[in-house]
Structure formats: C-alpha cells, structure tokens
Amino acid sequence: MAKKVKHKTRKCLAKRFKKTKNGKVLFRKASRGHLLSGKTRKRKRQLRKGGQLGPADHARIVHQLPL
C-alpha cells in the first residue's frame, strides 16, 4: 500500500488567510498601515472590513493552507 503524501503548510499564506467552516477563505485588506491622512474617511472605513477570496484564487490558495 502506498504512503499518503502529507502537504506542508505555506506559513506565509497561513498568516494572511483564514479558512471558514464552510470552506470560504477570508483575508485582511491592504493599505491600512500608513499614509492614512491621504485617504478618505469612507475608504478607511471600508478597508476595516475583511475580504473574501474569489473563485479564481480560491483553488490556488486553499490547498496550501493547513487542513
């Protein structure tokens, strides 16, 4: 019987993405670190919310996250 291959977790992706119970992948939006005075109040407020990974990137990212 062949051994099952274990996949290593990509640590850089594990720190940036989070997998939900239903299989969706969530992430934090960029551009909230510095130079905030040049951004509008609305833009900063919308950046506070996280984002959900789209179907194009989902397959590429999800198999590199921990199980």
C-alpha atoms as a PDB file:
ATOM      1  CA  MET A   1       0.000   0.000   0.000  1.00  0.00           C
ATOM      2  CA  ALA A   2       1.368   3.409  -0.986  1.00  0.00           C
ATOM      3  CA  LYS A   3       2.021   6.053   1.619  1.00  0.00           C
ATOM      4  CA  LYS A   4      -0.235   9.080   1.642  1.00  0.00           C
ATOM      5  CA  VAL A   5       1.698  12.272   0.921  1.00  0.00           C
ATOM      6  CA  LYS A   6       1.395  14.985   3.549  1.00  0.00           C
ATOM      7  CA  HIS A   7       1.352  18.546   2.273  1.00  0.00           C
ATOM      8  CA  LYS A   8       3.345  21.152   4.119  1.00  0.00           C
ATOM      9  CA  THR A   9       1.561  24.363   5.095  1.00  0.00           C
ATOM     10  CA  ARG A  10       2.769  27.534   3.432  1.00  0.00           C
ATOM     11  CA  LYS A  11       3.353  29.628   6.538  1.00  0.00           C
ATOM     12  CA  CYS A  12       3.229  32.933   4.658  1.00  0.00           C
ATOM     13  CA  LEU A  13      -0.300  32.087   3.477  1.00  0.00           C
ATOM     14  CA  ALA A  14      -1.415  30.700   6.831  1.00  0.00           C
ATOM     15  CA  LYS A  15      -0.676  34.093   8.411  1.00  0.00           C
ATOM     16  CA  ARG A  16      -2.624  36.043   5.785  1.00  0.00           C
ATOM     17  CA  PHE A  17      -5.662  33.853   5.086  1.00  0.00           C
ATOM     18  CA  LYS A  18      -8.236  32.102   7.273  1.00  0.00           C
ATOM     19  CA  LYS A  19     -10.436  29.214   6.182  1.00  0.00           C
ATOM     20  CA  THR A  20     -14.015  29.219   7.493  1.00  0.00           C
ATOM     21  CA  LYS A  21     -16.172  26.241   8.441  1.00  0.00           C
ATOM     22  CA  ASN A  22     -17.961  26.323   5.086  1.00  0.00           C
ATOM     23  CA  GLY A  23     -14.728  26.461   3.063  1.00  0.00           C
ATOM     24  CA  LYS A  24     -14.616  30.173   2.293  1.00  0.00           C
ATOM     25  CA  VAL A  25     -11.273  31.955   2.544  1.00  0.00           C
ATOM     26  CA  LEU A  26     -11.085  35.318   4.319  1.00  0.00           C
ATOM     27  CA  PHE A  27      -8.283  37.878   4.329  1.00  0.00           C
ATOM     28  CA  ARG A  28      -7.461  41.373   5.586  1.00  0.00           C
ATOM     29  CA  LYS A  29      -7.434  44.201   3.070  1.00  0.00           C
ATOM     30  CA  ALA A  30      -4.233  46.101   2.330  1.00  0.00           C
ATOM     31  CA  SER A  31      -3.479  49.854   2.577  1.00  0.00           C
ATOM     32  CA  ARG A  32      -4.355  50.310   6.261  1.00  0.00           C
ATOM     33  CA  GLY A  33      -0.805  50.535   7.601  1.00  0.00           C
ATOM     34  CA  HIS A  34       0.348  54.090   6.987  1.00  0.00           C
ATOM     35  CA  LEU A  35      -0.277  57.278   4.972  1.00  0.00           C
ATOM     36  CA  LEU A  36      -3.852  57.291   6.230  1.00  0.00           C
ATOM     37  CA  SER A  37      -4.226  61.080   6.156  1.00  0.00           C
ATOM     38  CA  GLY A  38      -4.366  61.000   2.362  1.00  0.00           C
ATOM     39  CA  LYS A  39      -7.220  58.506   2.298  1.00  0.00           C
ATOM     40  CA  THR A  40     -10.843  59.467   2.714  1.00  0.00           C
ATOM     41  CA  ARG A  41     -12.854  58.531   5.788  1.00  0.00           C
ATOM     42  CA  LYS A  42     -15.095  56.294   3.666  1.00  0.00           C
ATOM     43  CA  ARG A  43     -12.147  54.456   2.150  1.00  0.00           C
ATOM     44  CA  LYS A  44     -10.556  53.784   5.551  1.00  0.00           C
ATOM     45  CA  ARG A  45     -13.877  52.560   6.924  1.00  0.00           C
ATOM     46  CA  GLN A  46     -14.329  50.139   4.032  1.00  0.00           C
ATOM     47  CA  LEU A  47     -10.777  48.844   4.419  1.00  0.00           C
ATOM     48  CA  ARG A  48     -11.587  47.883   8.008  1.00  0.00           C
ATOM     49  CA  LYS A  49     -13.792  45.055   6.780  1.00  0.00           C
ATOM     50  CA  GLY A  50     -12.073  41.926   5.595  1.00  0.00           C
ATOM     51  CA  GLY A  51     -12.341  40.480   2.134  1.00  0.00           C
ATOM     52  CA  GLN A  52     -13.447  37.118   0.789  1.00  0.00           C
ATOM     53  CA  LEU A  53     -11.298  35.320  -1.743  1.00  0.00           C
ATOM     54  CA  GLY A  54     -12.838  34.993  -5.200  1.00  0.00           C
ATOM     55  CA  PRO A  55     -13.191  31.743  -7.152  1.00  0.00           C
ATOM     56  CA  ALA A  56     -10.182  32.461  -9.392  1.00  0.00           C
ATOM     57  CA  ASP A  57      -7.711  32.469  -6.483  1.00  0.00           C
ATOM     58  CA  HIS A  58      -9.597  30.072  -4.211  1.00  0.00           C
ATOM     59  CA  ALA A  59      -8.300  26.834  -5.741  1.00  0.00           C
ATOM     60  CA  ARG A  60      -4.731  28.143  -5.799  1.00  0.00           C
ATOM     61  CA  ILE A  61      -4.683  29.208  -2.135  1.00  0.00           C
ATOM     62  CA  VAL A  62      -6.886  26.674  -0.333  1.00  0.00           C
ATOM     63  CA  HIS A  63      -4.683  23.597  -0.798  1.00  0.00           C
ATOM     64  CA  GLN A  64      -1.677  25.409   0.644  1.00  0.00           C
ATOM     65  CA  LEU A  65      -3.479  26.278   3.900  1.00  0.00           C
ATOM     66  CA  PRO A  66      -3.479  23.935   6.901  1.00  0.00           C
ATOM     67  CA  LEU A  67      -6.162  21.269   6.926  1.00  0.00           C
END
